[in-house]
Amino acid sequence: MNQPQQRQGSSRDYVYDIVKKNILSLKLEPGTMISEKEIGDKLEVSRTPTREAFIKLAEEDLIVIYPQKGSFISLIDIDQVEEARFVRENMEVAVLKIACDTFTERDIADMEALIAEQRIYSGHNNYEKMHDLDELFHETIFNKCHKQRTWSVIQQMLAHYKRFRNLLLAVYFDWETIIAQHTRIVESIRLRDPIMAEQELRQHVKSRFEKAELLEKYPNYFKKTDSLSSITLK
């Protein structure tokens, strides 16, 4: 009895992980219809774990399920993007203050090694890999400050933010600027200067947050909200 349940759970997680990755990477575009049967057939997974995966994705607001109509990839909610950015930015500022107090030379060397890896990929124009390296850079700071659970909590509310950022990276990507910003963040830690660290981090986040341009280029990707209607498009 327990073994089939474990296999079903594993199948559910398999479908969930693959579909979520494709949603976050925008390979499954916002607003498009998604079929449980087609996904199950493609991944060679039965109906029940596929449906369970869809329900889990719906709970995370990545899929919207309409009875008698079907399932659709949720539109990007700019209000959720803003709130997630706010939480991540301010939590990371707090963690950087800890880093300025506690990082060792070895910790700084590890961060510099991550930046060196980013430079290797900077000319490849692979925004998915670049996004992964950017995430690893920030996650490593949290981990070295023993704030892994804080990072995990933040990730739970970043689904819309990550889609927005992946779209931004695909359209307006400037990897050299991001590397330069990462370098200055590490330098501020080396100098044990939390004010500089905060300034660099806030600029790092702000420089990617060009809403109006994306809303103009991909209007059908975004959920209509009051804050969205108040943005002036160029």
Protein backbone atom coordinates (compact mmCIF):
# COMPACT_ATOMS: atom_id res chain seq x y z
CA MET A 1 0.00 0.00 0.00
CA ASN A 2 2.75 2.48 0.95
CA GLN A 3 4.92 1.77 -2.08
CA PRO A 4 2.31 2.75 -4.71
CA GLN A 5 1.54 5.93 -2.77
CA GLN A 6 5.22 6.82 -2.77
CA ARG A 7 5.43 6.19 -6.52
CA GLN A 8 2.33 8.34 -7.11
CA GLY A 9 3.81 11.15 -5.05
CA SER A 10 7.04 10.95 -6.98
CA SER A 11 5.14 11.08 -10.27
CA ARG A 12 3.20 14.11 -9.05
CA ASP A 13 6.40 15.89 -8.06
CA TYR A 14 7.96 14.95 -11.41
CA VAL A 15 5.09 16.56 -13.32
CA TYR A 16 5.00 19.53 -10.93
CA ASP A 17 8.73 20.23 -11.25
CA ILE A 18 8.79 20.02 -15.05
CA VAL A 19 5.65 22.07 -15.62
CA LYS A 20 6.68 24.70 -13.05
CA LYS A 21 10.13 25.03 -14.63
CA ASN A 22 8.55 25.57 -18.03
CA ILE A 23 6.12 28.13 -16.62
CA LEU A 24 8.84 30.10 -14.84
CA SER A 25 11.09 30.01 -17.93
CA LEU A 26 8.12 31.21 -20.05
CA LYS A 27 8.31 28.20 -22.35
CA LEU A 28 4.70 27.85 -21.29
CA GLU A 29 3.48 31.37 -21.95
CA PRO A 30 1.06 33.25 -19.68
CA GLY A 31 -2.54 32.85 -20.75
CA THR A 32 -2.07 29.70 -22.82
CA MET A 33 -4.23 26.63 -22.28
CA ILE A 34 -2.60 23.59 -20.72
CA SER A 35 -4.09 20.11 -20.86
CA GLU A 36 -3.73 17.53 -18.10
CA LYS A 37 -4.08 14.77 -20.67
CA GLU A 38 -1.47 16.16 -23.03
CA ILE A 39 1.02 16.76 -20.21
CA GLY A 40 0.38 13.32 -18.74
CA ASP A 41 0.81 11.65 -22.13
CA LYS A 42 3.96 13.60 -22.90
CA LEU A 43 5.56 12.81 -19.55
CA GLU A 44 4.15 9.26 -19.51
CA VAL A 45 2.41 9.82 -16.19
CA SER A 46 -1.11 8.71 -15.31
CA ARG A 47 -4.04 11.06 -14.80
CA THR A 48 -4.17 11.18 -11.00
CA PRO A 49 -0.61 12.43 -10.26
CA THR A 50 -0.87 14.82 -13.20
CA ARG A 51 -4.06 16.30 -11.78
CA GLU A 52 -2.47 16.51 -8.32
CA ALA A 53 0.45 18.42 -9.84
CA PHE A 54 -1.96 20.81 -11.55
CA ILE A 55 -3.78 21.42 -8.26
CA LYS A 56 -0.49 22.18 -6.53
CA LEU A 57 0.47 24.62 -9.29
CA ALA A 58 -2.96 26.24 -9.00
CA GLU A 59 -2.40 26.70 -5.27
CA GLU A 60 0.77 28.62 -6.18
CA ASP A 61 -1.21 30.73 -8.67
CA LEU A 62 0.79 29.46 -11.64
CA ILE A 63 -2.19 27.70 -13.20
CA VAL A 64 -5.83 28.77 -13.20
CA ILE A 65 -8.33 25.92 -13.39
CA TYR A 66 -11.79 26.71 -14.73
CA PRO A 67 -14.35 23.90 -14.25
CA GLN A 68 -15.85 22.71 -17.55
CA LYS A 69 -13.49 25.02 -19.43
CA GLY A 70 -9.93 23.90 -18.81
CA SER A 71 -6.64 24.97 -17.27
CA PHE A 72 -4.59 28.00 -18.27
CA ILE A 73 -1.17 29.36 -17.38
CA SER A 74 -1.86 32.28 -15.08
CA LEU A 75 -1.15 35.80 -16.26
CA ILE A 76 1.66 37.64 -14.50
CA ASP A 77 0.25 39.69 -11.64
CA ILE A 78 2.25 42.91 -11.41
CA ASP A 79 1.00 43.51 -7.85
CA GLN A 80 2.51 40.19 -6.79
CA VAL A 81 5.70 41.04 -8.68
CA GLU A 82 5.98 44.34 -6.78
CA GLU A 83 5.29 42.78 -3.40
CA ALA A 84 7.75 39.92 -3.97
CA ARG A 85 10.42 42.38 -5.09
CA PHE A 86 9.80 44.48 -1.99
CA VAL A 87 10.14 41.50 0.35
CA ARG A 88 13.21 40.07 -1.34
CA GLU A 89 14.99 43.41 -1.62
CA ASN A 90 14.50 44.36 2.02
CA MET A 91 15.30 40.90 3.36
CA GLU A 92 18.46 40.80 1.29
CA VAL A 93 19.53 44.23 2.56
CA ALA A 94 19.24 42.84 6.10
CA VAL A 95 21.24 39.74 5.16
CA LEU A 96 23.96 41.84 3.52
CA LYS A 97 24.43 43.69 6.81
CA ILE A 98 25.12 40.33 8.44
CA ALA A 99 27.52 39.46 5.63
CA CYS A 100 29.45 42.68 6.19
CA ASP A 101 29.93 41.68 9.83
CA THR A 102 30.62 37.97 9.45
CA PHE A 103 32.09 37.08 6.05
CA THR A 104 35.58 35.62 6.10
CA GLU A 105 38.20 35.91 3.37
CA ARG A 106 37.19 32.39 2.30
CA ASP A 107 33.57 33.48 1.98
CA ILE A 108 34.59 36.44 -0.16
CA ALA A 109 36.78 34.19 -2.30
CA ASP A 110 33.82 31.88 -2.86
CA MET A 111 31.70 34.81 -4.01
CA GLU A 112 34.45 35.96 -6.36
CA ALA A 113 34.58 32.45 -7.82
CA LEU A 114 30.86 32.68 -8.60
CA ILE A 115 31.42 36.01 -10.35
CA ALA A 116 34.26 34.45 -12.36
CA GLU A 117 31.87 31.72 -13.50
CA GLN A 118 29.36 34.39 -14.52
CA ARG A 119 32.03 36.02 -16.67
CA ILE A 120 32.65 32.73 -18.45
CA TYR A 121 29.00 32.55 -19.51
CA SER A 122 28.57 36.27 -20.15
CA GLY A 123 29.04 35.94 -23.90
CA HIS A 124 26.81 32.92 -24.42
CA ASN A 125 23.46 34.75 -24.47
CA ASN A 126 21.87 31.90 -22.51
CA TYR A 127 19.57 33.88 -20.23
CA GLU A 128 18.32 30.76 -18.42
CA LYS A 129 21.85 29.81 -17.37
CA MET A 130 22.61 33.42 -16.52
CA HIS A 131 19.48 33.61 -14.39
CA ASP A 132 20.54 30.43 -12.56
CA LEU A 133 23.99 31.89 -11.86
CA ASP A 134 22.45 35.15 -10.65
CA GLU A 135 20.14 33.24 -8.30
CA LEU A 136 23.06 31.17 -7.03
CA PHE A 137 25.01 34.32 -6.22
CA HIS A 138 22.24 35.70 -4.01
CA GLU A 139 21.34 32.34 -2.50
CA THR A 140 24.97 31.80 -1.51
CA ILE A 141 24.98 35.04 0.48
CA PHE A 142 21.91 33.87 2.39
CA ASN A 143 23.41 30.44 2.99
CA LYS A 144 26.72 31.80 4.24
CA CYS A 145 24.79 34.00 6.67
CA HIS A 146 22.90 30.89 7.89
CA LYS A 147 19.62 32.21 6.52
CA GLN A 148 18.68 29.25 4.34
CA ARG A 149 15.13 29.11 5.70
CA THR A 150 14.69 32.81 5.03
CA TRP A 151 15.71 32.21 1.42
CA SER A 152 13.25 29.29 1.18
CA VAL A 153 10.40 31.39 2.55
CA ILE A 154 11.14 34.16 0.05
CA GLN A 155 11.13 31.66 -2.83
CA GLN A 156 7.56 30.68 -2.01
CA MET A 157 6.27 34.09 -3.08
CA LEU A 158 8.50 34.71 -6.11
CA ALA A 159 6.64 32.82 -8.85
CA HIS A 160 5.27 35.92 -10.59
CA TYR A 161 8.46 37.88 -9.90
CA LYS A 162 10.61 35.16 -11.49
CA ARG A 163 8.52 35.10 -14.63
CA PHE A 164 8.69 38.87 -14.86
CA ARG A 165 12.45 38.80 -14.37
CA ASN A 166 13.01 36.02 -16.88
CA LEU A 167 11.02 38.01 -19.41
CA LEU A 168 13.10 41.07 -18.61
CA LEU A 169 16.36 39.14 -18.94
CA ALA A 170 15.29 37.70 -22.28
CA VAL A 171 14.40 41.11 -23.71
CA TYR A 172 16.69 43.66 -22.06
CA PHE A 173 19.54 41.53 -20.81
CA ASP A 174 22.76 43.28 -19.84
CA TRP A 175 24.96 40.65 -18.23
CA GLU A 176 28.01 42.90 -18.00
CA THR A 177 26.08 45.36 -15.85
CA ILE A 178 24.87 42.57 -13.56
CA ILE A 179 28.42 41.23 -13.17
CA ALA A 180 29.67 44.73 -12.33
CA GLN A 181 26.91 45.11 -9.73
CA HIS A 182 27.73 41.73 -8.19
CA THR A 183 31.37 42.73 -8.04
CA ARG A 184 30.53 45.94 -6.18
CA ILE A 185 28.29 44.05 -3.75
CA VAL A 186 31.15 41.70 -2.90
CA GLU A 187 33.53 44.65 -2.59
CA SER A 188 31.16 46.32 -0.11
CA ILE A 189 31.21 43.13 1.97
CA ARG A 190 35.01 43.06 1.83
CA LEU A 191 35.08 46.67 3.03
CA ARG A 192 32.51 45.82 5.74
CA ASP A 193 30.41 48.72 4.49
CA PRO A 194 26.67 47.93 4.92
CA ILE A 195 25.61 51.32 3.55
CA MET A 196 27.46 50.69 0.30
CA ALA A 197 26.08 47.12 0.23
CA GLU A 198 22.51 48.41 0.56
CA GLN A 199 22.99 51.04 -2.14
CA GLU A 200 24.47 48.51 -4.56
CA LEU A 201 21.77 45.91 -3.88
CA ARG A 202 18.90 48.37 -4.33
CA GLN A 203 20.43 49.64 -7.57
CA HIS A 204 20.93 46.03 -8.69
CA VAL A 205 17.21 45.30 -8.23
CA LYS A 206 16.01 48.64 -9.57
CA SER A 207 18.02 48.40 -12.78
CA ARG A 208 16.04 45.32 -13.86
CA PHE A 209 12.63 46.58 -12.95
CA GLU A 210 11.52 48.28 -16.14
CA LYS A 211 7.80 47.54 -16.01
CA ALA A 212 6.47 49.93 -18.61
CA GLU A 213 8.58 48.59 -21.46
CA LEU A 214 7.59 44.98 -20.81
CA LEU A 215 3.92 45.85 -20.35
CA GLU A 216 3.98 47.61 -23.70
CA LYS A 217 5.77 44.78 -25.49
CA TYR A 218 3.81 41.89 -23.92
CA PRO A 219 0.42 43.28 -22.82
CA ASN A 220 -1.29 39.89 -23.05
CA TYR A 221 1.12 38.36 -20.53
CA PHE A 222 -0.10 40.51 -17.64
CA LYS A 223 -3.18 40.42 -15.44
CA LYS A 224 -5.23 43.60 -15.56
CA THR A 225 -5.00 45.34 -12.16
CA ASP A 226 -5.49 48.85 -10.80
CA SER A 227 -1.73 49.35 -10.49
CA LEU A 228 -1.25 48.15 -14.05
CA SER A 229 -3.71 50.72 -15.40
CA SER A 230 -1.87 53.49 -13.55
CA ILE A 231 1.43 52.82 -15.35
CA THR A 232 2.16 55.19 -18.20
CA LEU A 233 3.54 53.33 -21.19
CA LYS A 234 6.06 54.93 -23.51
